Amino acid sequence: MIATIFGYLFLALLGIFALMLFIQTNMDLWNEIGKDWWKTTKMGMKISNKRNGVTILTDQEYEQMLYGGQIKHNITINK
């Protein structure tokens, strides 16, 4: 009876340890591989720009700010 309880307890602890190891491995892989993939998506670029304080304006927003006198220093990147 006691051996069975300890056996199940051991299996449960082993399962928790394996799950923690699996999660840690996936997080390490995501940090190494996933970062580059995430930055190339639209959402990744928006988050990166927000963190860096960069605002991407539409043509209409740009013209409104330009004629309203809100833009003093502008950097225009033509593709």
N, C-alpha and C. Protein backbone atom coordinates (compact mmCIF):
# COMPACT_ATOMS: atom_id res chain seq x y z
N MET A 1 0.82 -1.20 0.00
CA MET A 1 0.00 0.00 0.00
C MET A 1 0.87 1.27 0.00
N ILE A 2 1.82 1.34 0.92
CA ILE A 2 2.72 2.50 1.00
C ILE A 2 3.60 2.57 -0.24
N ALA A 3 4.05 1.41 -0.72
CA ALA A 3 4.89 1.38 -1.92
C ALA A 3 4.13 1.92 -3.13
N THR A 4 2.84 1.63 -3.21
CA THR A 4 2.03 2.13 -4.32
C THR A 4 1.89 3.64 -4.25
N ILE A 5 1.65 4.17 -3.06
CA ILE A 5 1.53 5.62 -2.88
C ILE A 5 2.83 6.32 -3.25
N PHE A 6 3.95 5.76 -2.77
CA PHE A 6 5.24 6.36 -3.10
C PHE A 6 5.55 6.22 -4.60
N GLY A 7 5.11 5.14 -5.20
CA GLY A 7 5.30 4.96 -6.64
C GLY A 7 4.55 6.01 -7.43
N TYR A 8 3.27 6.24 -7.07
CA TYR A 8 2.50 7.29 -7.75
C TYR A 8 3.06 8.67 -7.49
N LEU A 9 3.51 8.92 -6.27
CA LEU A 9 4.12 10.21 -5.93
C LEU A 9 5.40 10.43 -6.74
N PHE A 10 6.20 9.37 -6.88
CA PHE A 10 7.42 9.47 -7.67
C PHE A 10 7.10 9.75 -9.13
N LEU A 11 6.10 9.05 -9.68
CA LEU A 11 5.72 9.28 -11.08
C LEU A 11 5.18 10.70 -11.28
N ALA A 12 4.41 11.21 -10.31
CA ALA A 12 3.89 12.57 -10.42
C ALA A 12 5.03 13.59 -10.40
N LEU A 13 5.98 13.43 -9.51
CA LEU A 13 7.12 14.34 -9.44
C LEU A 13 7.98 14.25 -10.70
N LEU A 14 8.15 13.04 -11.22
CA LEU A 14 8.90 12.86 -12.46
C LEU A 14 8.18 13.54 -13.61
N GLY A 15 6.86 13.44 -13.66
CA GLY A 15 6.08 14.10 -14.70
C GLY A 15 6.18 15.61 -14.60
N ILE A 16 6.12 16.16 -13.40
CA ILE A 16 6.26 17.61 -13.21
C ILE A 16 7.65 18.07 -13.64
N PHE A 17 8.67 17.30 -13.27
CA PHE A 17 10.03 17.65 -13.68
C PHE A 17 10.18 17.62 -15.19
N ALA A 18 9.62 16.60 -15.84
CA ALA A 18 9.70 16.50 -17.31
C ALA A 18 8.96 17.65 -17.96
N LEU A 19 7.80 18.05 -17.42
CA LEU A 19 7.05 19.17 -17.96
C LEU A 19 7.84 20.48 -17.82
N MET A 20 8.47 20.69 -16.66
CA MET A 20 9.27 21.90 -16.45
C MET A 20 10.46 21.93 -17.43
N LEU A 21 11.09 20.79 -17.63
CA LEU A 21 12.22 20.71 -18.57
C LEU A 21 11.75 20.99 -19.99
N PHE A 22 10.59 20.46 -20.38
CA PHE A 22 10.03 20.68 -21.71
C PHE A 22 9.73 22.16 -21.92
N ILE A 23 9.11 22.80 -20.95
CA ILE A 23 8.78 24.22 -21.06
C ILE A 23 10.05 25.07 -21.18
N GLN A 24 11.04 24.77 -20.35
CA GLN A 24 12.29 25.54 -20.38
C GLN A 24 12.99 25.39 -21.72
N THR A 25 13.00 24.18 -22.26
CA THR A 25 13.64 23.94 -23.55
C THR A 25 12.93 24.71 -24.66
N ASN A 26 11.60 24.69 -24.63
CA ASN A 26 10.86 25.42 -25.65
C ASN A 26 11.07 26.93 -25.54
N MET A 27 11.17 27.43 -24.33
CA MET A 27 11.41 28.87 -24.16
C MET A 27 12.79 29.25 -24.66
N ASP A 28 13.79 28.41 -24.41
CA ASP A 28 15.13 28.69 -24.92
C ASP A 28 15.14 28.68 -26.45
N LEU A 29 14.44 27.70 -27.04
CA LEU A 29 14.37 27.66 -28.50
C LEU A 29 13.65 28.88 -29.05
N TRP A 30 12.56 29.28 -28.39
CA TRP A 30 11.80 30.45 -28.85
C TRP A 30 12.66 31.70 -28.78
N ASN A 31 13.44 31.83 -27.71
CA ASN A 31 14.29 33.01 -27.57
C ASN A 31 15.38 33.06 -28.63
N GLU A 32 15.85 31.91 -29.08
CA GLU A 32 16.92 31.91 -30.07
C GLU A 32 16.38 31.97 -31.50
N ILE A 33 15.34 31.21 -31.78
CA ILE A 33 14.86 31.09 -33.16
C ILE A 33 13.67 31.99 -33.40
N GLY A 34 12.74 32.03 -32.45
CA GLY A 34 11.48 32.72 -32.65
C GLY A 34 11.59 34.23 -32.72
N LYS A 35 12.63 34.80 -32.11
CA LYS A 35 12.76 36.26 -32.11
C LYS A 35 12.86 36.81 -33.53
N ASP A 36 13.68 36.17 -34.34
CA ASP A 36 13.88 36.67 -35.70
C ASP A 36 12.63 36.51 -36.54
N TRP A 37 11.91 35.42 -36.36
CA TRP A 37 10.68 35.21 -37.12
C TRP A 37 9.61 36.21 -36.68
N TRP A 38 9.52 36.46 -35.38
CA TRP A 38 8.48 37.34 -34.84
C TRP A 38 8.67 38.77 -35.33
N LYS A 39 9.92 39.21 -35.46
CA LYS A 39 10.17 40.60 -35.87
C LYS A 39 9.75 40.88 -37.30
N THR A 40 9.64 39.86 -38.13
CA THR A 40 9.29 40.08 -39.53
C THR A 40 7.78 40.12 -39.75
N THR A 41 6.99 39.80 -38.73
CA THR A 41 5.53 39.88 -38.88
C THR A 41 5.07 41.31 -38.62
N LYS A 42 3.87 41.64 -39.08
CA LYS A 42 3.36 43.00 -38.89
C LYS A 42 3.21 43.32 -37.41
N MET A 43 2.68 42.38 -36.63
CA MET A 43 2.48 42.63 -35.21
C MET A 43 3.83 42.79 -34.51
N GLY A 44 4.81 41.98 -34.89
CA GLY A 44 6.14 42.10 -34.30
C GLY A 44 6.77 43.45 -34.59
N MET A 45 6.59 43.94 -35.82
CA MET A 45 7.14 45.25 -36.18
C MET A 45 6.44 46.37 -35.41
N LYS A 46 5.12 46.24 -35.24
CA LYS A 46 4.38 47.26 -34.49
C LYS A 46 4.85 47.32 -33.05
N ILE A 47 5.04 46.15 -32.44
CA ILE A 47 5.50 46.11 -31.05
C ILE A 47 6.92 46.67 -30.95
N SER A 48 7.78 46.31 -31.88
CA SER A 48 9.16 46.82 -31.88
C SER A 48 9.18 48.33 -32.05
N ASN A 49 8.35 48.85 -32.96
CA ASN A 49 8.30 50.29 -33.16
C ASN A 49 7.74 51.00 -31.94
N LYS A 50 6.77 50.40 -31.29
CA LYS A 50 6.19 51.02 -30.09
C LYS A 50 7.21 51.09 -28.97
N ARG A 51 8.00 50.03 -28.81
CA ARG A 51 9.04 50.01 -27.77
C ARG A 51 10.11 51.07 -28.05
N ASN A 52 10.44 51.27 -29.33
CA ASN A 52 11.48 52.22 -29.70
C ASN A 52 10.97 53.64 -29.86
N GLY A 53 9.67 53.83 -29.75
CA GLY A 53 9.10 55.17 -29.89
C GLY A 53 8.95 55.63 -31.32
N VAL A 54 8.89 54.70 -32.25
CA VAL A 54 8.74 55.02 -33.66
C VAL A 54 7.26 54.95 -34.01
N THR A 55 6.78 55.95 -34.73
CA THR A 55 5.39 55.97 -35.18
C THR A 55 5.37 55.95 -36.69
N ILE A 56 4.66 54.99 -37.24
CA ILE A 56 4.50 54.91 -38.69
C ILE A 56 3.18 55.60 -39.03
N LEU A 57 3.25 56.62 -39.86
CA LEU A 57 2.07 57.40 -40.22
C LEU A 57 1.55 56.99 -41.59
N THR A 58 0.25 57.05 -41.74
CA THR A 58 -0.32 56.89 -43.08
C THR A 58 -0.10 58.21 -43.83
N ASP A 59 -0.34 58.19 -45.12
CA ASP A 59 -0.17 59.41 -45.91
C ASP A 59 -1.11 60.52 -45.42
N GLN A 60 -2.32 60.15 -45.09
CA GLN A 60 -3.30 61.14 -44.62
C GLN A 60 -2.87 61.73 -43.26
N GLU A 61 -2.42 60.89 -42.35
CA GLU A 61 -1.96 61.39 -41.04
C GLU A 61 -0.75 62.30 -41.21
N TYR A 62 0.16 61.92 -42.12
CA TYR A 62 1.35 62.72 -42.36
C TYR A 62 0.98 64.11 -42.89
N GLU A 63 0.09 64.15 -43.86
CA GLU A 63 -0.32 65.45 -44.42
C GLU A 63 -1.02 66.32 -43.38
N GLN A 64 -1.86 65.71 -42.55
CA GLN A 64 -2.55 66.48 -41.51
C GLN A 64 -1.56 67.06 -40.51
N MET A 65 -0.58 66.27 -40.12
CA MET A 65 0.41 66.76 -39.16
C MET A 65 1.34 67.78 -39.80
N LEU A 66 1.68 67.58 -41.07
CA LEU A 66 2.57 68.50 -41.76
C LEU A 66 1.93 69.87 -41.91
N TYR A 67 0.68 69.90 -42.38
CA TYR A 67 0.00 71.17 -42.58
C TYR A 67 -0.49 71.78 -41.27
N GLY A 68 -0.60 70.96 -40.24
CA GLY A 68 -0.99 71.48 -38.93
C GLY A 68 0.19 72.01 -38.13
N GLY A 69 1.40 71.84 -38.64
CA GLY A 69 2.60 72.35 -37.97
C GLY A 69 3.08 71.46 -36.84
N GLN A 70 2.65 70.21 -36.79
CA GLN A 70 3.05 69.32 -35.71
C GLN A 70 4.36 68.59 -36.02
N ILE A 71 4.75 68.55 -37.27
CA ILE A 71 5.99 67.86 -37.65
C ILE A 71 7.08 68.91 -37.83
N LYS A 72 8.14 68.77 -37.03
CA LYS A 72 9.28 69.68 -37.13
C LYS A 72 10.46 68.98 -37.80
N HIS A 73 10.74 67.77 -37.36
CA HIS A 73 11.85 66.99 -37.93
C HIS A 73 11.23 65.72 -38.51
N ASN A 74 11.43 65.52 -39.77
CA ASN A 74 10.87 64.31 -40.37
C ASN A 74 11.94 63.55 -41.11
N ILE A 75 11.78 62.28 -41.11
CA ILE A 75 12.66 61.39 -41.85
C ILE A 75 11.76 60.60 -42.79
N THR A 76 11.98 60.73 -44.07
CA THR A 76 11.17 60.05 -45.05
C THR A 76 12.00 58.95 -45.68
N ILE A 77 11.45 57.75 -45.65
CA ILE A 77 12.14 56.61 -46.23
C ILE A 77 11.33 56.16 -47.43
N ASN A 78 11.92 56.25 -48.60
CA ASN A 78 11.26 55.83 -49.83
C ASN A 78 11.71 54.43 -50.17
N LYS A 79 10.74 53.60 -50.54
CA LYS A 79 11.09 52.22 -50.89
C LYS A 79 11.22 52.08 -52.37
